[in-house]
mmCIF file of all heavy atoms, coordinates in Angstrom:
data_MODEL
# 
_entry.id   MODEL 
# 
loop_
_atom_site.group_PDB 
_atom_site.id 
_atom_site.type_symbol 
_atom_site.label_atom_id 
_atom_site.label_alt_id 
_atom_site.label_comp_id 
_atom_site.label_asym_id 
_atom_site.label_entity_id 
_atom_site.label_seq_id 
_atom_site.pdbx_PDB_ins_code 
_atom_site.Cartn_x 
_atom_site.Cartn_y 
_atom_site.Cartn_z 
_atom_site.occupancy 
_atom_site.B_iso_or_equiv 
_atom_site.pdbx_formal_charge 
_atom_site.auth_seq_id 
_atom_site.auth_comp_id 
_atom_site.auth_asym_id 
_atom_site.auth_atom_id 
_atom_site.pdbx_PDB_model_num 
ATOM 1   N N   . GLN A 1 1  ? -5.233  2.908   3.150   1.00 0.00 ? 1  GLN A N   1 
ATOM 2   C CA  . GLN A 1 1  ? -5.560  4.123   3.889   1.00 0.00 ? 1  GLN A CA  1 
ATOM 3   C C   . GLN A 1 1  ? -5.134  4.054   5.349   1.00 0.00 ? 1  GLN A C   1 
ATOM 4   O O   . GLN A 1 1  ? -5.503  4.917   6.139   1.00 0.00 ? 1  GLN A O   1 
ATOM 5   C CB  . GLN A 1 1  ? -7.065  4.385   3.797   1.00 0.00 ? 1  GLN A CB  1 
ATOM 6   C CG  . GLN A 1 1  ? -7.524  4.672   2.389   1.00 0.00 ? 1  GLN A CG  1 
ATOM 7   C CD  . GLN A 1 1  ? -9.019  4.797   2.291   1.00 0.00 ? 1  GLN A CD  1 
ATOM 8   O OE1 . GLN A 1 1  ? -9.750  4.549   3.244   1.00 0.00 ? 1  GLN A OE1 1 
ATOM 9   N NE2 . GLN A 1 1  ? -9.494  5.189   1.126   1.00 0.00 ? 1  GLN A NE2 1 
ATOM 10  N N   . SER A 1 2  ? -4.341  3.051   5.697   1.00 0.00 ? 2  SER A N   1 
ATOM 11  C CA  . SER A 1 2  ? -3.921  2.891   7.086   1.00 0.00 ? 2  SER A CA  1 
ATOM 12  C C   . SER A 1 2  ? -2.748  3.814   7.425   1.00 0.00 ? 2  SER A C   1 
ATOM 13  O O   . SER A 1 2  ? -2.120  4.409   6.558   1.00 0.00 ? 2  SER A O   1 
ATOM 14  C CB  . SER A 1 2  ? -3.519  1.437   7.350   1.00 0.00 ? 2  SER A CB  1 
ATOM 15  O OG  . SER A 1 2  ? -2.332  1.144   6.657   1.00 0.00 ? 2  SER A OG  1 
ATOM 16  N N   . PHE A 1 3  ? -2.441  3.884   8.714   1.00 0.00 ? 3  PHE A N   1 
ATOM 17  C CA  . PHE A 1 3  ? -1.348  4.736   9.185   1.00 0.00 ? 3  PHE A CA  1 
ATOM 18  C C   . PHE A 1 3  ? 0.004   4.255   8.649   1.00 0.00 ? 3  PHE A C   1 
ATOM 19  O O   . PHE A 1 3  ? 0.828   5.059   8.211   1.00 0.00 ? 3  PHE A O   1 
ATOM 20  C CB  . PHE A 1 3  ? -1.325  4.770   10.716  1.00 0.00 ? 3  PHE A CB  1 
ATOM 21  C CG  . PHE A 1 3  ? -0.213  5.608   11.276  1.00 0.00 ? 3  PHE A CG  1 
ATOM 22  C CD1 . PHE A 1 3  ? -0.251  6.982   11.178  1.00 0.00 ? 3  PHE A CD1 1 
ATOM 23  C CD2 . PHE A 1 3  ? 0.879   5.004   11.876  1.00 0.00 ? 3  PHE A CD2 1 
ATOM 24  C CE1 . PHE A 1 3  ? 0.779   7.760   11.678  1.00 0.00 ? 3  PHE A CE1 1 
ATOM 25  C CE2 . PHE A 1 3  ? 1.914   5.766   12.384  1.00 0.00 ? 3  PHE A CE2 1 
ATOM 26  C CZ  . PHE A 1 3  ? 1.865   7.146   12.283  1.00 0.00 ? 3  PHE A CZ  1 
ATOM 27  N N   . SER A 1 4  ? 0.223   2.942   8.659   1.00 0.00 ? 4  SER A N   1 
ATOM 28  C CA  . SER A 1 4  ? 1.501   2.419   8.162   1.00 0.00 ? 4  SER A CA  1 
ATOM 29  C C   . SER A 1 4  ? 1.664   2.682   6.681   1.00 0.00 ? 4  SER A C   1 
ATOM 30  O O   . SER A 1 4  ? 2.770   2.931   6.196   1.00 0.00 ? 4  SER A O   1 
ATOM 31  C CB  . SER A 1 4  ? 1.626   0.921   8.454   1.00 0.00 ? 4  SER A CB  1 
ATOM 32  O OG  . SER A 1 4  ? 0.622   0.202   7.778   1.00 0.00 ? 4  SER A OG  1 
ATOM 33  N N   . SER A 1 5  ? 0.583   2.649   5.949   1.00 0.00 ? 5  SER A N   1 
ATOM 34  C CA  . SER A 1 5  ? 0.646   2.961   4.533   1.00 0.00 ? 5  SER A CA  1 
ATOM 35  C C   . SER A 1 5  ? 0.929   4.447   4.311   1.00 0.00 ? 5  SER A C   1 
ATOM 36  O O   . SER A 1 5  ? 1.627   4.818   3.364   1.00 0.00 ? 5  SER A O   1 
ATOM 37  C CB  . SER A 1 5  ? -0.661  2.564   3.849   1.00 0.00 ? 5  SER A CB  1 
ATOM 38  O OG  . SER A 1 5  ? -0.535  2.619   2.466   1.00 0.00 ? 5  SER A OG  1 
ATOM 39  N N   . ASP A 1 6  ? 0.405   5.294   5.189   1.00 0.00 ? 6  ASP A N   1 
ATOM 40  C CA  . ASP A 1 6  ? 0.704   6.723   5.107   1.00 0.00 ? 6  ASP A CA  1 
ATOM 41  C C   . ASP A 1 6  ? 2.187   6.983   5.340   1.00 0.00 ? 6  ASP A C   1 
ATOM 42  O O   . ASP A 1 6  ? 2.796   7.801   4.652   1.00 0.00 ? 6  ASP A O   1 
ATOM 43  C CB  . ASP A 1 6  ? -0.119  7.513   6.116   1.00 0.00 ? 6  ASP A CB  1 
ATOM 44  C CG  . ASP A 1 6  ? -1.584  7.619   5.734   1.00 0.00 ? 6  ASP A CG  1 
ATOM 45  O OD1 . ASP A 1 6  ? -1.892  7.428   4.540   1.00 0.00 ? 6  ASP A OD1 1 
ATOM 46  O OD2 . ASP A 1 6  ? -2.402  7.894   6.629   1.00 0.00 ? 6  ASP A OD2 1 
ATOM 47  N N   . ILE A 1 7  ? 2.774   6.284   6.320   1.00 0.00 ? 7  ILE A N   1 
ATOM 48  C CA  . ILE A 1 7  ? 4.206   6.431   6.589   1.00 0.00 ? 7  ILE A CA  1 
ATOM 49  C C   . ILE A 1 7  ? 5.021   5.954   5.394   1.00 0.00 ? 7  ILE A C   1 
ATOM 50  O O   . ILE A 1 7  ? 5.969   6.615   4.967   1.00 0.00 ? 7  ILE A O   1 
ATOM 51  C CB  . ILE A 1 7  ? 4.597   5.646   7.867   1.00 0.00 ? 7  ILE A CB  1 
ATOM 52  C CG1 . ILE A 1 7  ? 3.877   6.213   9.088   1.00 0.00 ? 7  ILE A CG1 1 
ATOM 53  C CG2 . ILE A 1 7  ? 6.103   5.653   8.075   1.00 0.00 ? 7  ILE A CG2 1 
ATOM 54  C CD1 . ILE A 1 7  ? 4.214   7.640   9.415   1.00 0.00 ? 7  ILE A CD1 1 
ATOM 55  N N   . SER A 1 8  ? 4.645   4.807   4.843   1.00 0.00 ? 8  SER A N   1 
ATOM 56  C CA  . SER A 1 8  ? 5.339   4.284   3.663   1.00 0.00 ? 8  SER A CA  1 
ATOM 57  C C   . SER A 1 8  ? 5.204   5.240   2.482   1.00 0.00 ? 8  SER A C   1 
ATOM 58  O O   . SER A 1 8  ? 6.162   5.474   1.744   1.00 0.00 ? 8  SER A O   1 
ATOM 59  C CB  . SER A 1 8  ? 4.772   2.916   3.290   1.00 0.00 ? 8  SER A CB  1 
ATOM 60  O OG  . SER A 1 8  ? 5.349   2.446   2.102   1.00 0.00 ? 8  SER A OG  1 
ATOM 61  N N   . ARG A 1 9  ? 4.023   5.803   2.306   1.00 0.00 ? 9  ARG A N   1 
ATOM 62  C CA  . ARG A 1 9  ? 3.798   6.741   1.203   1.00 0.00 ? 9  ARG A CA  1 
ATOM 63  C C   . ARG A 1 9  ? 4.629   8.011   1.384   1.00 0.00 ? 9  ARG A C   1 
ATOM 64  O O   . ARG A 1 9  ? 5.112   8.590   0.413   1.00 0.00 ? 9  ARG A O   1 
ATOM 65  C CB  . ARG A 1 9  ? 2.310   7.089   1.133   1.00 0.00 ? 9  ARG A CB  1 
ATOM 66  C CG  . ARG A 1 9  ? 1.908   7.747   -0.159  1.00 0.00 ? 9  ARG A CG  1 
ATOM 67  C CD  . ARG A 1 9  ? 0.408   7.999   -0.256  1.00 0.00 ? 9  ARG A CD  1 
ATOM 68  N NE  . ARG A 1 9  ? -0.361  6.765   -0.248  1.00 0.00 ? 9  ARG A NE  1 
ATOM 69  C CZ  . ARG A 1 9  ? -1.190  6.407   0.717   1.00 0.00 ? 9  ARG A CZ  1 
ATOM 70  N NH1 . ARG A 1 9  ? -1.374  7.190   1.761   1.00 0.00 ? 9  ARG A NH1 1 
ATOM 71  N NH2 . ARG A 1 9  ? -1.858  5.285   0.648   1.00 0.00 ? 9  ARG A NH2 1 
ATOM 72  N N   . PHE A 1 10 ? 4.845   8.426   2.631   1.00 0.00 ? 10 PHE A N   1 
ATOM 73  C CA  . PHE A 1 10 ? 5.644   9.617   2.906   1.00 0.00 ? 10 PHE A CA  1 
ATOM 74  C C   . PHE A 1 10 ? 7.093   9.410   2.479   1.00 0.00 ? 10 PHE A C   1 
ATOM 75  O O   . PHE A 1 10 ? 7.715   10.292  1.888   1.00 0.00 ? 10 PHE A O   1 
ATOM 76  C CB  . PHE A 1 10 ? 5.576   9.975   4.393   1.00 0.00 ? 10 PHE A CB  1 
ATOM 77  C CG  . PHE A 1 10 ? 6.406   11.158  4.780   1.00 0.00 ? 10 PHE A CG  1 
ATOM 78  C CD1 . PHE A 1 10 ? 5.982   12.438  4.471   1.00 0.00 ? 10 PHE A CD1 1 
ATOM 79  C CD2 . PHE A 1 10 ? 7.608   10.997  5.440   1.00 0.00 ? 10 PHE A CD2 1 
ATOM 80  C CE1 . PHE A 1 10 ? 6.739   13.540  4.822   1.00 0.00 ? 10 PHE A CE1 1 
ATOM 81  C CE2 . PHE A 1 10 ? 8.379   12.081  5.798   1.00 0.00 ? 10 PHE A CE2 1 
ATOM 82  C CZ  . PHE A 1 10 ? 7.946   13.365  5.488   1.00 0.00 ? 10 PHE A CZ  1 
ATOM 83  N N   . PHE A 1 11 ? 7.655   8.228   2.784   1.00 0.00 ? 11 PHE A N   1 
ATOM 84  C CA  . PHE A 1 11 ? 9.064   7.989   2.488   1.00 0.00 ? 11 PHE A CA  1 
ATOM 85  C C   . PHE A 1 11 ? 9.306   7.447   1.083   1.00 0.00 ? 11 PHE A C   1 
ATOM 86  O O   . PHE A 1 11 ? 10.321  7.762   0.464   1.00 0.00 ? 11 PHE A O   1 
ATOM 87  C CB  . PHE A 1 11 ? 9.663   7.013   3.512   1.00 0.00 ? 11 PHE A CB  1 
ATOM 88  C CG  . PHE A 1 11 ? 9.851   7.640   4.859   1.00 0.00 ? 11 PHE A CG  1 
ATOM 89  C CD1 . PHE A 1 11 ? 9.064   7.271   5.925   1.00 0.00 ? 11 PHE A CD1 1 
ATOM 90  C CD2 . PHE A 1 11 ? 10.812  8.625   5.054   1.00 0.00 ? 11 PHE A CD2 1 
ATOM 91  C CE1 . PHE A 1 11 ? 9.227   7.856   7.171   1.00 0.00 ? 11 PHE A CE1 1 
ATOM 92  C CE2 . PHE A 1 11 ? 10.984  9.218   6.287   1.00 0.00 ? 11 PHE A CE2 1 
ATOM 93  C CZ  . PHE A 1 11 ? 10.188  8.834   7.346   1.00 0.00 ? 11 PHE A CZ  1 
ATOM 94  N N   . THR A 1 12 ? 8.410   6.610   0.572   1.00 0.00 ? 12 THR A N   1 
ATOM 95  C CA  . THR A 1 12 ? 8.654   5.970   -0.722  1.00 0.00 ? 12 THR A CA  1 
ATOM 96  C C   . THR A 1 12 ? 7.771   6.490   -1.845  1.00 0.00 ? 12 THR A C   1 
ATOM 97  O O   . THR A 1 12 ? 8.059   6.245   -3.012  1.00 0.00 ? 12 THR A O   1 
ATOM 98  C CB  . THR A 1 12 ? 8.450   4.455   -0.619  1.00 0.00 ? 12 THR A CB  1 
ATOM 99  O OG1 . THR A 1 12 ? 7.079   4.185   -0.319  1.00 0.00 ? 12 THR A OG1 1 
ATOM 100 C CG2 . THR A 1 12 ? 9.349   3.842   0.428   1.00 0.00 ? 12 THR A CG2 1 
ATOM 101 N N   . GLY A 1 13 ? 6.690   7.130   -1.504  1.00 0.00 ? 13 GLY A N   1 
ATOM 102 C CA  . GLY A 1 13 ? 5.775   7.630   -2.523  1.00 0.00 ? 13 GLY A CA  1 
ATOM 103 C C   . GLY A 1 13 ? 4.707   6.625   -2.921  1.00 0.00 ? 13 GLY A C   1 
ATOM 104 O O   . GLY A 1 13 ? 3.885   6.908   -3.785  1.00 0.00 ? 13 GLY A O   1 
ATOM 105 N N   . SER A 1 14 ? 4.716   5.434   -2.322  1.00 0.00 ? 14 SER A N   1 
ATOM 106 C CA  . SER A 1 14 ? 3.704   4.436   -2.635  1.00 0.00 ? 14 SER A CA  1 
ATOM 107 C C   . SER A 1 14 ? 3.243   3.762   -1.341  1.00 0.00 ? 14 SER A C   1 
ATOM 108 O O   . SER A 1 14 ? 3.962   3.748   -0.354  1.00 0.00 ? 14 SER A O   1 
ATOM 109 C CB  . SER A 1 14 ? 4.260   3.383   -3.594  1.00 0.00 ? 14 SER A CB  1 
ATOM 110 O OG  . SER A 1 14 ? 5.302   2.668   -2.992  1.00 0.00 ? 14 SER A OG  1 
ATOM 111 N N   . PRO A 1 15 ? 2.038   3.184   -1.345  1.00 0.00 ? 15 PRO A N   1 
ATOM 112 C CA  . PRO A 1 15 ? 1.555   2.498   -0.144  1.00 0.00 ? 15 PRO A CA  1 
ATOM 113 C C   . PRO A 1 15 ? 2.354   1.216   0.118   1.00 0.00 ? 15 PRO A C   1 
ATOM 114 O O   . PRO A 1 15 ? 3.227   0.843   -0.666  1.00 0.00 ? 15 PRO A O   1 
ATOM 115 C CB  . PRO A 1 15 ? 0.095   2.185   -0.461  1.00 0.00 ? 15 PRO A CB  1 
ATOM 116 C CG  . PRO A 1 15 ? -0.081  2.408   -1.900  1.00 0.00 ? 15 PRO A CG  1 
ATOM 117 C CD  . PRO A 1 15 ? 1.050   3.224   -2.396  1.00 0.00 ? 15 PRO A CD  1 
ATOM 118 N N   . THR A 1 16 ? 2.044   0.527   1.188   1.00 0.00 ? 16 THR A N   1 
ATOM 119 C CA  . THR A 1 16 ? 2.776   -0.686  1.554   1.00 0.00 ? 16 THR A CA  1 
ATOM 120 C C   . THR A 1 16 ? 2.566   -1.784  0.510   1.00 0.00 ? 16 THR A C   1 
ATOM 121 O O   . THR A 1 16 ? 1.583   -1.788  -0.235  1.00 0.00 ? 16 THR A O   1 
ATOM 122 C CB  . THR A 1 16 ? 2.322   -1.206  2.921   1.00 0.00 ? 16 THR A CB  1 
ATOM 123 O OG1 . THR A 1 16 ? 0.922   -1.488  2.855   1.00 0.00 ? 16 THR A OG1 1 
ATOM 124 C CG2 . THR A 1 16 ? 2.597   -0.205  4.020   1.00 0.00 ? 16 THR A CG2 1 
ATOM 125 N N   . ASP A 1 17 ? 3.506   -2.721  0.481   1.00 0.00 ? 17 ASP A N   1 
ATOM 126 C CA  . ASP A 1 17 ? 3.409   -3.840  -0.452  1.00 0.00 ? 17 ASP A CA  1 
ATOM 127 C C   . ASP A 1 17 ? 2.171   -4.683  -0.180  1.00 0.00 ? 17 ASP A C   1 
ATOM 128 O O   . ASP A 1 17 ? 1.547   -5.193  -1.106  1.00 0.00 ? 17 ASP A O   1 
ATOM 129 C CB  . ASP A 1 17 ? 4.650   -4.721  -0.357  1.00 0.00 ? 17 ASP A CB  1 
ATOM 130 C CG  . ASP A 1 17 ? 5.882   -4.050  -0.928  1.00 0.00 ? 17 ASP A CG  1 
ATOM 131 O OD1 . ASP A 1 17 ? 5.733   -3.084  -1.694  1.00 0.00 ? 17 ASP A OD1 1 
ATOM 132 O OD2 . ASP A 1 17 ? 6.991   -4.507  -0.597  1.00 0.00 ? 17 ASP A OD2 1 
ATOM 133 N N   . LYS A 1 18 ? 1.817   -4.834  1.082   1.00 0.00 ? 18 LYS A N   1 
ATOM 134 C CA  . LYS A 1 18 ? 0.641   -5.623  1.443   1.00 0.00 ? 18 LYS A CA  1 
ATOM 135 C C   . LYS A 1 18 ? -0.617  -5.041  0.794   1.00 0.00 ? 18 LYS A C   1 
ATOM 136 O O   . LYS A 1 18 ? -1.426  -5.779  0.231   1.00 0.00 ? 18 LYS A O   1 
ATOM 137 C CB  . LYS A 1 18 ? 0.486   -5.659  2.964   1.00 0.00 ? 18 LYS A CB  1 
ATOM 138 C CG  . LYS A 1 18 ? -0.721  -6.415  3.443   1.00 0.00 ? 18 LYS A CG  1 
ATOM 139 C CD  . LYS A 1 18 ? -0.829  -6.360  4.955   1.00 0.00 ? 18 LYS A CD  1 
ATOM 140 C CE  . LYS A 1 18 ? -2.107  -6.993  5.431   1.00 0.00 ? 18 LYS A CE  1 
ATOM 141 N NZ  . LYS A 1 18 ? -2.273  -6.875  6.879   1.00 0.00 ? 18 LYS A NZ  1 
ATOM 142 N N   . ALA A 1 19 ? -0.758  -3.727  0.870   1.00 0.00 ? 19 ALA A N   1 
ATOM 143 C CA  . ALA A 1 19 ? -1.939  -3.082  0.288   1.00 0.00 ? 19 ALA A CA  1 
ATOM 144 C C   . ALA A 1 19 ? -1.963  -3.263  -1.226  1.00 0.00 ? 19 ALA A C   1 
ATOM 145 O O   . ALA A 1 19 ? -3.007  -3.561  -1.806  1.00 0.00 ? 19 ALA A O   1 
ATOM 146 C CB  . ALA A 1 19 ? -1.960  -1.599  0.641   1.00 0.00 ? 19 ALA A CB  1 
ATOM 147 N N   . ILE A 1 20 ? -0.822  -3.121  -1.856  1.00 0.00 ? 20 ILE A N   1 
ATOM 148 C CA  . ILE A 1 20 ? -0.759  -3.254  -3.311  1.00 0.00 ? 20 ILE A CA  1 
ATOM 149 C C   . ILE A 1 20 ? -1.083  -4.681  -3.737  1.00 0.00 ? 20 ILE A C   1 
ATOM 150 O O   . ILE A 1 20 ? -1.869  -4.907  -4.666  1.00 0.00 ? 20 ILE A O   1 
ATOM 151 C CB  . ILE A 1 20 ? 0.627   -2.820  -3.831  1.00 0.00 ? 20 ILE A CB  1 
ATOM 152 C CG1 . ILE A 1 20 ? 0.797   -1.320  -3.626  1.00 0.00 ? 20 ILE A CG1 1 
ATOM 153 C CG2 . ILE A 1 20 ? 0.800   -3.191  -5.294  1.00 0.00 ? 20 ILE A CG2 1 
ATOM 154 C CD1 . ILE A 1 20 ? 2.186   -0.811  -3.904  1.00 0.00 ? 20 ILE A CD1 1 
ATOM 155 N N   . TRP A 1 21 ? -0.515  -5.677  -3.055  1.00 0.00 ? 21 TRP A N   1 
ATOM 156 C CA  . TRP A 1 21 ? -0.772  -7.067  -3.417  1.00 0.00 ? 21 TRP A CA  1 
ATOM 157 C C   . TRP A 1 21 ? -2.218  -7.460  -3.155  1.00 0.00 ? 21 TRP A C   1 
ATOM 158 O O   . TRP A 1 21 ? -2.791  -8.268  -3.909  1.00 0.00 ? 21 TRP A O   1 
ATOM 159 C CB  . TRP A 1 21 ? 0.180   -8.006  -2.699  1.00 0.00 ? 21 TRP A CB  1 
ATOM 160 C CG  . TRP A 1 21 ? 1.527   -8.027  -3.341  1.00 0.00 ? 21 TRP A CG  1 
ATOM 161 C CD1 . TRP A 1 21 ? 2.686   -7.548  -2.821  1.00 0.00 ? 21 TRP A CD1 1 
ATOM 162 C CD2 . TRP A 1 21 ? 1.844   -8.516  -4.645  1.00 0.00 ? 21 TRP A CD2 1 
ATOM 163 N NE1 . TRP A 1 21 ? 3.707   -7.714  -3.723  1.00 0.00 ? 21 TRP A NE1 1 
ATOM 164 C CE2 . TRP A 1 21 ? 3.221   -8.305  -4.850  1.00 0.00 ? 21 TRP A CE2 1 
ATOM 165 C CE3 . TRP A 1 21 ? 1.095   -9.096  -5.659  1.00 0.00 ? 21 TRP A CE3 1 
ATOM 166 C CZ2 . TRP A 1 21 ? 3.855   -8.676  -6.025  1.00 0.00 ? 21 TRP A CZ2 1 
ATOM 167 C CZ3 . TRP A 1 21 ? 1.731   -9.461  -6.828  1.00 0.00 ? 21 TRP A CZ3 1 
ATOM 168 C CH2 . TRP A 1 21 ? 3.098   -9.253  -7.006  1.00 0.00 ? 21 TRP A CH2 1 
ATOM 169 N N   . MET A 1 22 ? -2.817  -6.913  -2.123  1.00 0.00 ? 22 MET A N   1 
ATOM 170 C CA  . MET A 1 22 ? -4.227  -7.214  -1.870  1.00 0.00 ? 22 MET A CA  1 
ATOM 171 C C   . MET A 1 22 ? -5.111  -6.630  -2.966  1.00 0.00 ? 22 MET A C   1 
ATOM 172 O O   . MET A 1 22 ? -6.072  -7.272  -3.406  1.00 0.00 ? 22 MET A O   1 
ATOM 173 C CB  . MET A 1 22 ? -4.653  -6.699  -0.499  1.00 0.00 ? 22 MET A CB  1 
ATOM 174 C CG  . MET A 1 22 ? -4.057  -7.504  0.635   1.00 0.00 ? 22 MET A CG  1 
ATOM 175 S SD  . MET A 1 22 ? -4.539  -6.904  2.241   1.00 0.00 ? 22 MET A SD  1 
ATOM 176 C CE  . MET A 1 22 ? -6.106  -7.707  2.414   1.00 0.00 ? 22 MET A CE  1 
ATOM 177 N N   . LEU A 1 23 ? -4.799  -5.433  -3.425  1.00 0.00 ? 23 LEU A N   1 
ATOM 178 C CA  . LEU A 1 23 ? -5.566  -4.830  -4.509  1.00 0.00 ? 23 LEU A CA  1 
ATOM 179 C C   . LEU A 1 23 ? -5.385  -5.587  -5.820  1.00 0.00 ? 23 LEU A C   1 
ATOM 180 O O   . LEU A 1 23 ? -6.351  -5.859  -6.540  1.00 0.00 ? 23 LEU A O   1 
ATOM 181 C CB  . LEU A 1 23 ? -5.173  -3.362  -4.681  1.00 0.00 ? 23 LEU A CB  1 
ATOM 182 C CG  . LEU A 1 23 ? -5.616  -2.432  -3.562  1.00 0.00 ? 23 LEU A CG  1 
ATOM 183 C CD1 . LEU A 1 23 ? -4.951  -1.071  -3.707  1.00 0.00 ? 23 LEU A CD1 1 
ATOM 184 C CD2 . LEU A 1 23 ? -7.127  -2.287  -3.568  1.00 0.00 ? 23 LEU A CD2 1 
ATOM 185 N N   . VAL A 1 24 ? -4.146  -5.953  -6.128  1.00 0.00 ? 24 VAL A N   1 
ATOM 186 C CA  . VAL A 1 24 ? -3.869  -6.675  -7.373  1.00 0.00 ? 24 VAL A CA  1 
ATOM 187 C C   . VAL A 1 24 ? -4.506  -8.067  -7.335  1.00 0.00 ? 24 VAL A C   1 
ATOM 188 O O   . VAL A 1 24 ? -5.140  -8.501  -8.310  1.00 0.00 ? 24 VAL A O   1 
ATOM 189 C CB  . VAL A 1 24 ? -2.348  -6.758  -7.613  1.00 0.00 ? 24 VAL A CB  1 
ATOM 190 C CG1 . VAL A 1 24 ? -2.018  -7.707  -8.744  1.00 0.00 ? 24 VAL A CG1 1 
ATOM 191 C CG2 . VAL A 1 24 ? -1.784  -5.377  -7.905  1.00 0.00 ? 24 VAL A CG2 1 
ATOM 192 N N   . GLY A 1 25 ? -4.330  -8.765  -6.217  1.00 0.00 ? 25 GLY A N   1 
ATOM 193 C CA  . GLY A 1 25 ? -4.928  -10.093 -6.093  1.00 0.00 ? 25 GLY A CA  1 
ATOM 194 C C   . GLY A 1 25 ? -6.440  -10.061 -6.129  1.00 0.00 ? 25 GLY A C   1 
ATOM 195 O O   . GLY A 1 25 ? -7.078  -10.925 -6.738  1.00 0.00 ? 25 GLY A O   1 
ATOM 196 N N   . GLY A 1 26 ? -7.025  -9.067  -5.488  1.00 0.00 ? 26 GLY A N   1 
ATOM 197 C CA  . GLY A 1 26 ? -8.475  -8.928  -5.509  1.00 0.00 ? 26 GLY A CA  1 
ATOM 198 C C   . GLY A 1 26 ? -9.004  -8.633  -6.897  1.00 0.00 ? 26 GLY A C   1 
ATOM 199 O O   . GLY A 1 26 ? -10.026 -9.183  -7.310  1.00 0.00 ? 26 GLY A O   1 
ATOM 200 N N   . ALA A 1 27 ? -8.298  -7.785  -7.622  1.00 0.00 ? 27 ALA A N   1 
ATOM 201 C CA  . ALA A 1 27 ? -8.716  -7.480  -8.991  1.00 0.00 ? 27 ALA A CA  1 
ATOM 202 C C   . ALA A 1 27 ? -8.604  -8.721  -9.877  1.00 0.00 ? 27 ALA A C   1 
ATOM 203 O O   . ALA A 1 27 ? -9.513  -9.007  -10.672 1.00 0.00 ? 27 ALA A O   1 
ATOM 204 C CB  . ALA A 1 27 ? -7.873  -6.342  -9.552  1.00 0.00 ? 27 ALA A CB  1 
ATOM 205 N N   . ALA A 1 28 ? -7.519  -9.468  -9.736  1.00 0.00 ? 28 ALA A N   1 
ATOM 206 C CA  . ALA A 1 28 ? -7.334  -10.675 -10.547 1.00 0.00 ? 28 ALA A CA  1 
ATOM 207 C C   . ALA A 1 28 ? -8.398  -11.722 -10.228 1.00 0.00 ? 28 ALA A C   1 
ATOM 208 O O   . ALA A 1 28 ? -8.987  -12.326 -11.138 1.00 0.00 ? 28 ALA A O   1 
ATOM 209 C CB  . ALA A 1 28 ? -5.937  -11.240 -10.313 1.00 0.00 ? 28 ALA A CB  1 
# 
């Protein structure tokens, strides 16, 4: 939900890699 993730989502359609890896690692 950060600003950098919003910018990444605007251009690529997905949040930053850091956010995704933190979610995946946390779930695992």
